[in-house]
Amino acid sequence: MLFAGLGFSVAAGKALVITGPNGTGKTTLLRILAGLTLPAGGTIRWRGEAVVPYAAGLREETLYAGHFAALKDELTAEENLRSLVSLSGAEPSDADLRAALAAAALAEKRLLPARVLSQGQRRRIGLARLALLARPLWLLDEPATALDTTGLGLLAELIARQLDSGGAVIAATHQPLDLPTDAVDRLVMG
């Protein structure tokens, strides 16, 4: 058992940053919250109502970004972004895709296959995805991995926008996120 007796809530406009050693259940917790993994017990509530794993309504209101980039090496950055966003049910215009990639400092790399991009550039495609998908709840697993200082700034800006718009963020991370302290609660696992 990774954890038991865990209870928390996250209000609109707030972030919960989960930290702790490797193997303490951070990723498993995020996957449970996203409806991707069955919990052994307990109740998960969204907007006060109990939700079950794999519930379509929960998926429609949640954006889960795992710690792997989930890119296809043979597709370009732009094609990967379109695919990732389409899987979430959105159909952005070409202009929106290009703007999101430009904001993630990938305008000049948008037509390159993902296999030639650095790990940080691959992660920036995920940041562009965050900019394109409006969801009330973001679940981010190790979102700062492989990002340079500029990428970390973009991540913090995207999270701040999400919170300012009344959304919520739950992020598991080993790296500090530059977020306003009044908008962040912390959960240490393990």
C-alpha atoms as a PDB file:
ATOM      1  CA  MET A   1       0.000   0.000   0.000  1.00  0.00           C
ATOM      2  CA  LEU A   2       1.435   3.373  -1.001  1.00  0.00           C
ATOM      3  CA  PHE A   3      -0.755   5.565   1.206  1.00  0.00           C
ATOM      4  CA  ALA A   4      -3.828   5.453   3.429  1.00  0.00           C
ATOM      5  CA  GLY A   5      -5.978   7.944   5.270  1.00  0.00           C
ATOM      6  CA  LEU A   6      -5.161  10.679   2.785  1.00  0.00           C
ATOM      7  CA  GLY A   7      -7.600  13.569   2.590  1.00  0.00           C
ATOM      8  CA  PHE A   8      -7.391  16.993   0.968  1.00  0.00           C
ATOM      9  CA  SER A   9      -9.355  19.459  -1.112  1.00  0.00           C
ATOM     10  CA  VAL A  10      -8.344  22.027  -3.673  1.00  0.00           C
ATOM     11  CA  ALA A  11     -10.467  25.116  -4.228  1.00  0.00           C
ATOM     12  CA  ALA A  12     -10.914  27.001  -7.479  1.00  0.00           C
ATOM     13  CA  GLY A  13      -8.005  29.350  -8.028  1.00  0.00           C
ATOM     14  CA  LYS A  14      -5.676  27.248  -5.895  1.00  0.00           C
ATOM     15  CA  ALA A  15      -2.834  24.812  -6.478  1.00  0.00           C
ATOM     16  CA  LEU A  16      -1.802  21.791  -4.471  1.00  0.00           C
ATOM     17  CA  VAL A  17       1.877  20.917  -4.851  1.00  0.00           C
ATOM     18  CA  ILE A  18       2.668  17.331  -3.900  1.00  0.00           C
ATOM     19  CA  THR A  19       6.233  16.477  -2.937  1.00  0.00           C
ATOM     20  CA  GLY A  20       8.001  13.507  -1.416  1.00  0.00           C
ATOM     21  CA  PRO A  21      10.600  10.863  -2.169  1.00  0.00           C
ATOM     22  CA  ASN A  22      10.379   8.601  -5.198  1.00  0.00           C
ATOM     23  CA  GLY A  23       8.022   5.681  -4.697  1.00  0.00           C
ATOM     24  CA  THR A  24       5.692   7.333  -2.186  1.00  0.00           C
ATOM     25  CA  GLY A  25       2.672   7.360  -4.521  1.00  0.00           C
ATOM     26  CA  LYS A  26       2.639  10.821  -6.081  1.00  0.00           C
ATOM     27  CA  THR A  27       2.104   9.563  -9.626  1.00  0.00           C
ATOM     28  CA  THR A  28      -0.380   6.935  -8.463  1.00  0.00           C
ATOM     29  CA  LEU A  29      -2.374   9.602  -6.633  1.00  0.00           C
ATOM     30  CA  LEU A  30      -2.530  11.791  -9.745  1.00  0.00           C
ATOM     31  CA  ARG A  31      -3.589   8.818 -11.876  1.00  0.00           C
ATOM     32  CA  ILE A  32      -6.337   7.995  -9.363  1.00  0.00           C
ATOM     33  CA  LEU A  33      -7.543  11.605  -9.411  1.00  0.00           C
ATOM     34  CA  ALA A  34      -7.539  11.568 -13.216  1.00  0.00           C
ATOM     35  CA  GLY A  35      -9.662   8.414 -13.205  1.00  0.00           C
ATOM     36  CA  LEU A  36      -6.919   6.334 -14.825  1.00  0.00           C
ATOM     37  CA  THR A  37      -6.175   4.024 -11.885  1.00  0.00           C
ATOM     38  CA  LEU A  38      -8.569   2.364  -9.471  1.00  0.00           C
ATOM     39  CA  PRO A  39      -8.006   3.194  -5.812  1.00  0.00           C
ATOM     40  CA  ALA A  40      -8.059   0.311  -3.342  1.00  0.00           C
ATOM     41  CA  GLY A  41     -10.534   2.283  -1.259  1.00  0.00           C
ATOM     42  CA  GLY A  42     -11.845   5.707  -0.464  1.00  0.00           C
ATOM     43  CA  THR A  43     -13.916   8.283  -2.299  1.00  0.00           C
ATOM     44  CA  ILE A  44     -12.894  10.905  -4.794  1.00  0.00           C
ATOM     45  CA  ARG A  45     -15.197  13.875  -5.151  1.00  0.00           C
ATOM     46  CA  TRP A  46     -15.356  16.410  -7.952  1.00  0.00           C
ATOM     47  CA  ARG A  47     -17.538  19.457  -7.356  1.00  0.00           C
ATOM     48  CA  GLY A  48     -18.882  17.717  -4.259  1.00  0.00           C
ATOM     49  CA  GLU A  49     -20.085  14.612  -6.073  1.00  0.00           C
ATOM     50  CA  ALA A  50     -18.441  11.195  -5.821  1.00  0.00           C
ATOM     51  CA  VAL A  51     -16.828  10.161  -9.098  1.00  0.00           C
ATOM     52  CA  VAL A  52     -15.886   6.757 -10.372  1.00  0.00           C
ATOM     53  CA  PRO A  53     -12.738   5.893 -12.310  1.00  0.00           C
ATOM     54  CA  TYR A  54     -12.930   6.299 -16.069  1.00  0.00           C
ATOM     55  CA  ALA A  55     -15.970   8.619 -15.777  1.00  0.00           C
ATOM     56  CA  ALA A  56     -16.408  10.615 -18.987  1.00  0.00           C
ATOM     57  CA  GLY A  57     -17.495  13.748 -17.102  1.00  0.00           C
ATOM     58  CA  LEU A  58     -14.332  13.765 -15.035  1.00  0.00           C
ATOM     59  CA  ARG A  59     -12.167  13.313 -18.137  1.00  0.00           C
ATOM     60  CA  GLU A  60     -13.921  16.234 -19.849  1.00  0.00           C
ATOM     61  CA  GLU A  61     -13.065  18.578 -16.984  1.00  0.00           C
ATOM     62  CA  THR A  62      -9.555  17.325 -16.225  1.00  0.00           C
ATOM     63  CA  LEU A  63      -6.294  17.731 -18.063  1.00  0.00           C
ATOM     64  CA  TYR A  64      -3.774  15.090 -17.036  1.00  0.00           C
ATOM     65  CA  ALA A  65      -0.151  15.538 -18.085  1.00  0.00           C
ATOM     66  CA  GLY A  66       1.964  12.545 -17.115  1.00  0.00           C
ATOM     67  CA  HIS A  67       5.698  12.650 -16.563  1.00  0.00           C
ATOM     68  CA  PHE A  68       6.352  11.163 -20.016  1.00  0.00           C
ATOM     69  CA  ALA A  69       6.003  13.517 -22.991  1.00  0.00           C
ATOM     70  CA  ALA A  70       3.730  11.043 -24.875  1.00  0.00           C
ATOM     71  CA  LEU A  71       5.026  12.108 -28.288  1.00  0.00           C
ATOM     72  CA  LYS A  72       5.397  10.120 -31.490  1.00  0.00           C
ATOM     73  CA  ASP A  73       8.972  10.501 -32.684  1.00  0.00           C
ATOM     74  CA  GLU A  74       8.080  10.470 -36.391  1.00  0.00           C
ATOM     75  CA  LEU A  75       5.520  13.304 -36.079  1.00  0.00           C
ATOM     76  CA  THR A  76       6.527  16.952 -36.091  1.00  0.00           C
ATOM     77  CA  ALA A  77       6.120  19.135 -33.040  1.00  0.00           C
ATOM     78  CA  GLU A  78       3.016  20.658 -34.629  1.00  0.00           C
ATOM     79  CA  GLU A  79       1.542  17.267 -35.561  1.00  0.00           C
ATOM     80  CA  ASN A  80       2.177  15.947 -32.059  1.00  0.00           C
ATOM     81  CA  LEU A  81       0.512  18.972 -30.502  1.00  0.00           C
ATOM     82  CA  ARG A  82      -2.507  18.641 -32.804  1.00  0.00           C
ATOM     83  CA  SER A  83      -2.772  14.942 -31.926  1.00  0.00           C
ATOM     84  CA  LEU A  84      -2.517  15.533 -28.166  1.00  0.00           C
ATOM     85  CA  VAL A  85      -5.137  18.275 -28.231  1.00  0.00           C
ATOM     86  CA  SER A  86      -7.452  16.282 -30.526  1.00  0.00           C
ATOM     87  CA  LEU A  87      -7.324  13.336 -28.132  1.00  0.00           C
ATOM     88  CA  SER A  88      -8.818  15.692 -25.558  1.00  0.00           C
ATOM     89  CA  GLY A  89     -11.715  16.520 -27.877  1.00  0.00           C
ATOM     90  CA  ALA A  90     -10.555  19.955 -29.048  1.00  0.00           C
ATOM     91  CA  GLU A  91      -9.846  20.988 -32.631  1.00  0.00           C
ATOM     92  CA  PRO A  92      -7.612  24.068 -32.570  1.00  0.00           C
ATOM     93  CA  SER A  93      -7.014  26.080 -35.701  1.00  0.00           C
ATOM     94  CA  ASP A  94      -3.619  26.080 -37.404  1.00  0.00           C
ATOM     95  CA  ALA A  95      -3.142  29.634 -36.131  1.00  0.00           C
ATOM     96  CA  ASP A  96      -3.863  28.575 -32.534  1.00  0.00           C
ATOM     97  CA  LEU A  97      -1.391  25.685 -32.792  1.00  0.00           C
ATOM     98  CA  ARG A  98       1.314  27.942 -34.181  1.00  0.00           C
ATOM     99  CA  ALA A  99       0.671  30.593 -31.527  1.00  0.00           C
ATOM    100  CA  ALA A 100       0.896  28.019 -28.734  1.00  0.00           C
ATOM    101  CA  LEU A 101       4.139  26.610 -30.141  1.00  0.00           C
ATOM    102  CA  ALA A 102       5.534  30.125 -30.541  1.00  0.00           C
ATOM    103  CA  ALA A 103       4.683  30.930 -26.924  1.00  0.00           C
ATOM    104  CA  ALA A 104       6.565  27.768 -25.952  1.00  0.00           C
ATOM    105  CA  ALA A 105       9.612  28.938 -27.964  1.00  0.00           C
ATOM    106  CA  LEU A 106       9.079  26.246 -30.608  1.00  0.00           C
ATOM    107  CA  ALA A 107       8.051  28.355 -33.625  1.00  0.00           C
ATOM    108  CA  GLU A 108      11.231  27.523 -35.515  1.00  0.00           C
ATOM    109  CA  LYS A 109      11.072  23.853 -34.464  1.00  0.00           C
ATOM    110  CA  ARG A 110       7.398  23.232 -35.257  1.00  0.00           C
ATOM    111  CA  LEU A 111       8.072  21.258 -38.450  1.00  0.00           C
ATOM    112  CA  LEU A 112      10.891  19.130 -37.045  1.00  0.00           C
ATOM    113  CA  PRO A 113      10.184  15.531 -36.069  1.00  0.00           C
ATOM    114  CA  ALA A 114      10.014  15.052 -32.323  1.00  0.00           C
ATOM    115  CA  ARG A 115      12.906  12.584 -32.414  1.00  0.00           C
ATOM    116  CA  VAL A 116      15.383  15.436 -33.076  1.00  0.00           C
ATOM    117  CA  LEU A 117      14.097  17.681 -30.288  1.00  0.00           C
ATOM    118  CA  SER A 118      15.806  17.926 -26.919  1.00  0.00           C
ATOM    119  CA  GLN A 119      13.980  16.639 -23.845  1.00  0.00           C
ATOM    120  CA  GLY A 120      13.240  20.229 -22.840  1.00  0.00           C
ATOM    121  CA  GLN A 121      11.777  21.032 -26.253  1.00  0.00           C
ATOM    122  CA  ARG A 122       9.664  17.890 -26.092  1.00  0.00           C
ATOM    123  CA  ARG A 123       8.351  19.034 -22.703  1.00  0.00           C
ATOM    124  CA  ARG A 124       7.522  22.438 -24.194  1.00  0.00           C
ATOM    125  CA  ILE A 125       5.082  20.729 -26.571  1.00  0.00           C
ATOM    126  CA  GLY A 126       3.259  19.694 -23.403  1.00  0.00           C
ATOM    127  CA  LEU A 127       3.291  23.310 -22.220  1.00  0.00           C
ATOM    128  CA  ALA A 128       1.744  24.354 -25.532  1.00  0.00           C
ATOM    129  CA  ARG A 129      -0.956  21.733 -24.894  1.00  0.00           C
ATOM    130  CA  LEU A 130      -1.730  23.348 -21.527  1.00  0.00           C
ATOM    131  CA  ALA A 131      -2.192  26.684 -23.280  1.00  0.00           C
ATOM    132  CA  LEU A 132      -4.699  25.197 -25.737  1.00  0.00           C
ATOM    133  CA  LEU A 133      -6.922  23.139 -23.440  1.00  0.00           C
ATOM    134  CA  ALA A 134      -9.220  24.931 -21.053  1.00  0.00           C
ATOM    135  CA  ARG A 135     -10.064  22.515 -18.263  1.00  0.00           C
ATOM    136  CA  PRO A 136     -11.098  23.353 -14.685  1.00  0.00           C
ATOM    137  CA  LEU A 137      -8.564  20.922 -13.194  1.00  0.00           C
ATOM    138  CA  TRP A 138      -4.986  20.311 -14.269  1.00  0.00           C
ATOM    139  CA  LEU A 139      -3.157  17.265 -12.921  1.00  0.00           C
ATOM    140  CA  LEU A 140       0.559  17.656 -13.646  1.00  0.00           C
ATOM    141  CA  ASP A 141       3.120  14.945 -12.952  1.00  0.00           C
ATOM    142  CA  GLU A 142       6.677  16.290 -12.776  1.00  0.00           C
ATOM    143  CA  PRO A 143       5.866  19.247 -15.064  1.00  0.00           C
ATOM    144  CA  ALA A 144       9.257  20.932 -14.563  1.00  0.00           C
ATOM    145  CA  THR A 145      11.368  17.968 -15.690  1.00  0.00           C
ATOM    146  CA  ALA A 146      13.960  18.906 -18.363  1.00  0.00           C
ATOM    147  CA  LEU A 147      12.826  22.543 -18.547  1.00  0.00           C
ATOM    148  CA  ASP A 148      15.390  25.340 -18.578  1.00  0.00           C
ATOM    149  CA  THR A 149      14.873  28.639 -16.777  1.00  0.00           C
ATOM    150  CA  THR A 150      12.753  30.071 -19.594  1.00  0.00           C
ATOM    151  CA  GLY A 151      10.634  26.924 -19.739  1.00  0.00           C
ATOM    152  CA  LEU A 152      10.125  27.023 -15.974  1.00  0.00           C
ATOM    153  CA  GLY A 153       8.985  30.626 -16.302  1.00  0.00           C
ATOM    154  CA  LEU A 154       6.486  29.634 -18.977  1.00  0.00           C
ATOM    155  CA  LEU A 155       5.197  26.797 -16.791  1.00  0.00           C
ATOM    156  CA  ALA A 156       4.714  29.177 -13.854  1.00  0.00           C
ATOM    157  CA  GLU A 157       2.942  31.662 -16.139  1.00  0.00           C
ATOM    158  CA  LEU A 158       0.578  28.991 -17.467  1.00  0.00           C
ATOM    159  CA  ILE A 159      -0.246  27.775 -13.963  1.00  0.00           C
ATOM    160  CA  ALA A 160      -0.814  31.355 -12.776  1.00  0.00           C
ATOM    161  CA  ARG A 161      -3.225  31.922 -15.692  1.00  0.00           C
ATOM    162  CA  GLN A 162      -5.053  28.707 -14.834  1.00  0.00           C
ATOM    163  CA  LEU A 163      -5.453  29.824 -11.223  1.00  0.00           C
ATOM    164  CA  ASP A 164      -6.422  33.395 -12.183  1.00  0.00           C
ATOM    165  CA  SER A 165      -9.179  32.013 -14.417  1.00  0.00           C
ATOM    166  CA  GLY A 166     -10.642  30.063 -11.476  1.00  0.00           C
ATOM    167  CA  GLY A 167      -9.100  26.727 -12.388  1.00  0.00           C
ATOM    168  CA  ALA A 168      -7.247  24.444 -10.016  1.00  0.00           C
ATOM    169  CA  VAL A 169      -3.904  22.648 -10.328  1.00  0.00           C
ATOM    170  CA  ILE A 170      -2.547  19.588  -8.564  1.00  0.00           C
ATOM    171  CA  ALA A 171       1.124  19.066  -9.375  1.00  0.00           C
ATOM    172  CA  ALA A 172       3.560  16.416  -8.189  1.00  0.00           C
ATOM    173  CA  THR A 173       7.124  17.652  -8.392  1.00  0.00           C
ATOM    174  CA  HIS A 174      10.641  17.353  -7.040  1.00  0.00           C
ATOM    175  CA  GLN A 175      11.498  20.849  -8.235  1.00  0.00           C
ATOM    176  CA  PRO A 176      10.210  24.098  -6.762  1.00  0.00           C
ATOM    177  CA  LEU A 177       7.574  25.862  -8.847  1.00  0.00           C
ATOM    178  CA  ASP A 178       7.613  29.637  -8.828  1.00  0.00           C
ATOM    179  CA  LEU A 179       4.007  30.164  -7.759  1.00  0.00           C
ATOM    180  CA  PRO A 180       2.405  32.754  -5.481  1.00  0.00           C
ATOM    181  CA  THR A 181       2.511  31.342  -1.945  1.00  0.00           C
ATOM    182  CA  ASP A 182      -1.016  32.533  -1.164  1.00  0.00           C
ATOM    183  CA  ALA A 183      -2.404  30.355  -3.962  1.00  0.00           C
ATOM    184  CA  VAL A 184      -0.506  27.167  -3.065  1.00  0.00           C
ATOM    185  CA  ASP A 185      -1.090  24.421  -0.525  1.00  0.00           C
ATOM    186  CA  ARG A 186       1.432  21.647  -0.047  1.00  0.00           C
ATOM    187  CA  LEU A 187       1.140  17.921   0.548  1.00  0.00           C
ATOM    188  CA  VAL A 188       4.244  15.962   1.498  1.00  0.00           C
ATOM    189  CA  MET A 189       3.949  12.234   0.868  1.00  0.00           C
ATOM    190  CA  GLY A 190       5.995   9.532   2.537  1.00  0.00           C
END
